[in-house]
């Protein structure tokens, strides 16, 4: 396992190399193939932390993100290998690998990913592990979303789309004269979510559970989000499409007001 330690040194910068992440992946790959499945955790890190495959959170320039999202399946070998390696580490009981998978499922939109996220969080708790503090609120939100029905959006994508959907529902209420009844946005609640099948889905060709058919590269689908207030219900149509890098774009159709794409 000395190769894994060396890979970690390369990634941290304590060992210098012109190609630190590429060399780290090669070391982790060889260790994994020699019969040490936990090296899959290091293989995944060497991929996800590699600047050529990463996008800074909160970055304003979408050029890098869009370039990554546009990568064809044929150019995603390192990505597929990383997920398969992480799957090996999970099967070997690596707790760090489970936490990386939890973070992944919070961000990736595909049918069933909300359930996978909630179930994996429950597994971590049952094994005596603490949920990463950054994901505690996400898990609670996912449980709430799950109680309303079915969505193919990740908990992150769902949360991003919620305010637009809520506005659409509130405007519909107001168009019916509901303001005269004292109805406002604070009283409008989401009560049901129904997702239609994904059209023309293309998945990252990962070969191992729990990541099979969880990374939607291409595809689009519609959802109906039903809101209730003032003894009435209104449907809001949400159109989603995979953005190519695990996320999802959305567009809200407000009854009588046409479509409103995300900013």
Protein backbone atom coordinates (compact mmCIF):
# COMPACT_ATOMS: atom_id res chain seq x y z
CA UNK A 1 0.00 0.00 0.00
CA UNK A 2 3.07 2.24 -0.18
CA UNK A 3 1.94 3.25 -3.65
CA UNK A 4 -1.25 4.70 -2.18
CA UNK A 5 0.76 6.75 0.28
CA UNK A 6 2.93 8.02 -2.55
CA UNK A 7 -0.21 8.86 -4.56
CA UNK A 8 -1.50 10.89 -1.61
CA UNK A 9 1.83 12.74 -1.43
CA UNK A 10 1.60 13.57 -5.12
CA UNK A 11 -1.93 14.92 -4.74
CA UNK A 12 -1.01 17.01 -1.70
CA UNK A 13 2.06 18.43 -3.43
CA UNK A 14 4.56 17.09 -0.90
CA UNK A 15 6.10 15.05 -3.73
CA UNK A 16 6.75 17.12 -6.83
CA UNK A 17 5.82 15.95 -10.30
CA UNK A 18 4.95 17.52 -13.63
CA UNK A 19 1.91 15.20 -13.78
CA UNK A 20 0.97 14.61 -10.13
CA UNK A 21 -2.63 13.48 -10.61
CA UNK A 22 -1.90 11.33 -13.63
CA UNK A 23 0.92 9.57 -11.77
CA UNK A 24 -1.27 9.26 -8.66
CA UNK A 25 -4.00 7.58 -10.74
CA UNK A 26 -1.48 5.18 -12.22
CA UNK A 27 -0.21 4.22 -8.75
CA UNK A 28 -3.73 3.77 -7.38
CA UNK A 29 -4.77 1.80 -10.46
CA UNK A 30 -1.88 -0.65 -10.08
CA UNK A 31 -2.58 -1.07 -6.34
CA UNK A 32 -6.26 -1.71 -7.05
CA UNK A 33 -5.43 -4.34 -9.67
CA UNK A 34 -3.01 -6.06 -7.28
CA UNK A 35 -5.86 -6.91 -4.93
CA UNK A 36 -6.36 -3.88 -2.69
CA UNK A 37 -9.90 -2.60 -3.43
CA UNK A 38 -9.66 0.31 -0.99
CA UNK A 39 -7.19 1.89 -3.44
CA UNK A 40 -10.28 2.72 -5.48
CA UNK A 41 -10.90 5.55 -3.02
CA UNK A 42 -7.53 7.07 -3.92
CA UNK A 43 -8.17 6.51 -7.62
CA UNK A 44 -11.41 8.48 -7.36
CA UNK A 45 -9.71 11.31 -5.48
CA UNK A 46 -6.92 11.46 -8.05
CA UNK A 47 -9.57 11.96 -10.69
CA UNK A 48 -11.93 14.35 -8.90
CA UNK A 49 -9.15 16.62 -7.60
CA UNK A 50 -7.33 16.80 -10.93
CA UNK A 51 -7.58 20.41 -12.20
CA UNK A 52 -8.26 19.18 -15.73
CA UNK A 53 -11.45 17.48 -14.49
CA UNK A 54 -12.54 19.86 -11.74
CA UNK A 55 -14.47 23.09 -11.71
CA UNK A 56 -14.10 25.55 -8.81
CA UNK A 57 -17.32 25.83 -6.81
CA UNK A 58 -18.90 29.23 -7.16
CA UNK A 59 -16.76 30.11 -10.16
CA UNK A 60 -18.32 32.75 -12.36
CA UNK A 61 -16.75 31.64 -15.65
CA UNK A 62 -18.78 28.75 -17.08
CA UNK A 63 -16.37 28.09 -19.93
CA UNK A 64 -14.53 25.29 -18.12
CA UNK A 65 -17.73 23.73 -16.84
CA UNK A 66 -19.35 23.77 -20.27
CA UNK A 67 -16.25 22.22 -21.83
CA UNK A 68 -16.31 19.37 -19.31
CA UNK A 69 -20.07 18.91 -19.77
CA UNK A 70 -19.59 18.62 -23.54
CA UNK A 71 -17.04 15.79 -23.31
CA UNK A 72 -18.19 12.79 -25.37
CA UNK A 73 -18.49 9.41 -23.69
CA UNK A 74 -15.38 8.29 -25.59
CA UNK A 75 -13.32 10.91 -23.68
CA UNK A 76 -14.61 9.93 -20.22
CA UNK A 77 -12.47 6.87 -19.54
CA UNK A 78 -10.82 8.39 -16.46
CA UNK A 79 -14.23 9.35 -15.09
CA UNK A 80 -15.71 5.86 -15.56
CA UNK A 81 -12.63 4.27 -14.02
CA UNK A 82 -12.86 6.60 -11.02
CA UNK A 83 -16.47 5.62 -10.26
CA UNK A 84 -15.73 1.93 -10.70
CA UNK A 85 -12.78 2.30 -8.32
CA UNK A 86 -14.91 4.09 -5.75
CA UNK A 87 -17.46 1.26 -6.03
CA UNK A 88 -14.69 -1.26 -5.22
CA UNK A 89 -13.69 0.76 -2.16
CA UNK A 90 -17.32 0.92 -0.97
CA UNK A 91 -17.69 -2.86 -1.26
CA UNK A 92 -14.51 -3.20 0.79
CA UNK A 93 -16.10 -1.14 3.59
CA UNK A 94 -14.12 2.08 3.15
CA UNK A 95 -16.03 4.71 5.14
CA UNK A 96 -14.42 7.62 3.30
CA UNK A 97 -15.63 6.13 0.02
CA UNK A 98 -19.19 6.00 1.39
CA UNK A 99 -19.01 9.68 2.29
CA UNK A 100 -17.73 10.58 -1.19
CA UNK A 101 -20.63 8.62 -2.68
CA UNK A 102 -23.06 10.49 -0.45
CA UNK A 103 -21.73 13.84 -1.68
CA UNK A 104 -21.98 12.60 -5.27
CA UNK A 105 -25.63 11.55 -4.94
CA UNK A 106 -26.54 14.93 -3.46
CA UNK A 107 -25.39 16.61 -6.69
CA UNK A 108 -26.19 14.15 -9.48
CA UNK A 109 -29.59 14.13 -11.19
CA UNK A 110 -30.96 10.80 -12.43
CA UNK A 111 -33.96 8.58 -11.68
CA UNK A 112 -33.69 7.15 -8.18
CA UNK A 113 -30.81 9.32 -6.97
CA UNK A 114 -32.88 10.98 -4.25
CA UNK A 115 -33.69 7.52 -2.86
CA UNK A 116 -30.06 6.46 -3.13
CA UNK A 117 -28.98 9.61 -1.29
CA UNK A 118 -31.45 9.07 1.56
CA UNK A 119 -30.69 5.34 1.83
CA UNK A 120 -26.93 5.87 1.84
CA UNK A 121 -27.22 8.52 4.55
CA UNK A 122 -29.25 6.06 6.64
CA UNK A 123 -26.59 3.39 6.09
CA UNK A 124 -23.85 5.70 7.33
CA UNK A 125 -25.86 6.47 10.47
CA UNK A 126 -26.57 2.77 11.09
CA UNK A 127 -22.84 1.99 10.90
CA UNK A 128 -22.13 4.62 13.53
CA UNK A 129 -20.72 7.23 11.17
CA UNK A 130 -21.50 10.91 11.43
CA UNK A 131 -22.93 12.58 8.38
CA UNK A 132 -20.68 15.31 6.94
CA UNK A 133 -21.97 18.55 8.46
CA UNK A 134 -22.19 20.10 5.00
CA UNK A 135 -24.74 17.45 3.99
CA UNK A 136 -26.99 17.27 7.06
CA UNK A 137 -29.40 19.91 5.73
CA UNK A 138 -29.31 18.24 2.31
CA UNK A 139 -30.36 14.90 3.80
CA UNK A 140 -33.28 16.49 5.62
CA UNK A 141 -34.40 18.22 2.45
CA UNK A 142 -34.11 14.97 0.47
CA UNK A 143 -36.29 13.18 3.01
CA UNK A 144 -38.89 15.93 2.67
CA UNK A 145 -38.74 15.80 -1.13
CA UNK A 146 -39.14 12.03 -1.07
CA UNK A 147 -42.28 12.33 1.04
CA UNK A 148 -43.96 14.40 -1.71
CA UNK A 149 -43.49 11.88 -4.53
CA UNK A 150 -40.90 11.24 -7.22
CA UNK A 151 -38.32 13.50 -8.85
CA UNK A 152 -35.34 12.75 -11.07
CA UNK A 153 -33.59 15.95 -9.97
CA UNK A 154 -30.84 15.76 -7.38
CA UNK A 155 -31.52 17.40 -4.05
CA UNK A 156 -29.27 20.28 -5.18
CA UNK A 157 -31.05 20.73 -8.52
CA UNK A 158 -34.46 20.45 -6.82
CA UNK A 159 -33.52 23.13 -4.32
CA UNK A 160 -32.22 25.39 -7.11
CA UNK A 161 -35.51 25.04 -9.01
CA UNK A 162 -37.82 25.42 -6.02
CA UNK A 163 -38.00 29.22 -5.85
CA UNK A 164 -38.90 29.46 -9.52
CA UNK A 165 -41.62 26.84 -9.09
CA UNK A 166 -42.94 28.56 -5.97
CA UNK A 167 -43.13 31.87 -7.82
CA UNK A 168 -45.04 30.17 -10.63
CA UNK A 169 -47.53 28.72 -8.16
CA UNK A 170 -47.95 32.03 -6.34
CA UNK A 171 -48.59 33.93 -9.56
CA UNK A 172 -51.23 31.40 -10.53
CA UNK A 173 -52.91 31.86 -7.14
CA UNK A 174 -52.90 35.61 -7.60
CA UNK A 175 -54.32 35.34 -11.12
CA UNK A 176 -57.34 33.66 -9.56
CA UNK A 177 -57.93 36.58 -7.23
CA UNK A 178 -56.38 34.86 -4.23
CA UNK A 179 -54.69 37.99 -2.86
CA UNK A 180 -58.14 39.18 -1.85
CA UNK A 181 -58.36 36.12 0.37
CA UNK A 182 -55.10 36.92 2.12
CA UNK A 183 -53.13 34.28 0.20
CA UNK A 184 -49.41 34.93 -0.19
CA UNK A 185 -46.23 33.01 -0.96
CA UNK A 186 -45.66 32.10 2.68
CA UNK A 187 -48.87 30.09 2.66
CA UNK A 188 -48.15 28.19 -0.56
CA UNK A 189 -46.85 24.66 0.10
CA UNK A 190 -45.52 21.96 -2.17
CA UNK A 191 -47.66 18.86 -1.66
CA UNK A 192 -46.89 16.54 -4.59
CA UNK A 193 -44.16 15.88 -7.15
CA UNK A 194 -44.63 13.60 -10.16
CA UNK A 195 -41.87 12.87 -12.66
CA UNK A 196 -42.30 11.56 -16.19
CA UNK A 197 -39.77 9.11 -17.68
CA UNK A 198 -36.48 10.54 -18.94
CA UNK A 199 -36.48 10.93 -22.71
CA UNK A 200 -33.42 9.82 -24.74
CA UNK A 201 -31.29 9.09 -21.66
CA UNK A 202 -27.55 8.60 -21.99
CA UNK A 203 -25.73 7.43 -18.88
CA UNK A 204 -22.05 7.40 -18.02
CA UNK A 205 -21.12 3.74 -18.68
CA UNK A 206 -20.05 2.91 -15.13
CA UNK A 207 -20.02 -0.88 -14.65
CA UNK A 208 -20.42 -1.30 -10.88
CA UNK A 209 -23.01 -0.63 -8.21
CA UNK A 210 -23.99 1.63 -6.56
CA UNK A 211 -23.26 3.89 -9.53
CA UNK A 212 -24.94 2.03 -12.40
CA UNK A 213 -27.34 4.34 -14.27
CA UNK A 214 -26.85 7.18 -11.79
CA UNK A 215 -24.87 9.67 -13.90
CA UNK A 216 -27.15 11.12 -16.56
CA UNK A 217 -25.01 12.67 -19.30
CA UNK A 218 -27.87 13.45 -21.68
CA UNK A 219 -31.65 13.34 -21.40
CA UNK A 220 -34.67 15.46 -20.61
CA UNK A 221 -37.82 15.00 -18.59
CA UNK A 222 -40.85 16.84 -17.24
CA UNK A 223 -42.17 16.97 -13.68
CA UNK A 224 -45.41 18.31 -12.26
CA UNK A 225 -45.02 20.07 -8.93
CA UNK A 226 -48.38 20.65 -7.23
CA UNK A 227 -48.70 23.47 -4.70
CA UNK A 228 -51.58 24.13 -2.31
CA UNK A 229 -52.86 27.27 -0.55
CA UNK A 230 -56.19 28.89 0.32
CA UNK A 231 -58.12 25.65 -0.23
CA UNK A 232 -56.86 25.39 -3.81
CA UNK A 233 -54.14 23.52 -5.65
CA UNK A 234 -52.13 24.58 -8.71
CA UNK A 235 -49.76 22.53 -10.89
CA UNK A 236 -46.45 23.90 -12.10
CA UNK A 237 -44.70 22.11 -14.93
CA UNK A 238 -40.93 21.79 -14.52
CA UNK A 239 -38.86 20.80 -17.56
CA UNK A 240 -35.41 19.44 -16.77
CA UNK A 241 -32.45 18.42 -18.93
CA UNK A 242 -29.14 16.85 -17.95
CA UNK A 243 -26.34 19.37 -18.33
CA UNK A 244 -23.63 16.79 -19.10
CA UNK A 245 -21.65 17.13 -15.87
CA UNK A 246 -24.00 15.64 -13.29
CA UNK A 247 -26.24 18.67 -12.93
CA UNK A 248 -29.54 19.65 -14.50
CA UNK A 249 -30.97 22.71 -16.18
CA UNK A 250 -34.61 23.58 -15.59
CA UNK A 251 -37.40 25.65 -17.05
CA UNK A 252 -40.61 26.57 -15.27
CA UNK A 253 -43.91 26.74 -17.14
CA UNK A 254 -46.33 29.00 -15.32
CA UNK A 255 -49.94 28.53 -16.33
CA UNK A 256 -51.05 31.38 -18.54
CA UNK A 257 -47.60 33.01 -18.37
CA UNK A 258 -45.48 30.84 -20.65
CA UNK A 259 -42.07 29.35 -19.97
CA UNK A 260 -39.48 30.88 -17.68
CA UNK A 261 -35.96 29.38 -18.08
CA UNK A 262 -33.50 29.37 -15.22
CA UNK A 263 -31.11 32.35 -15.17
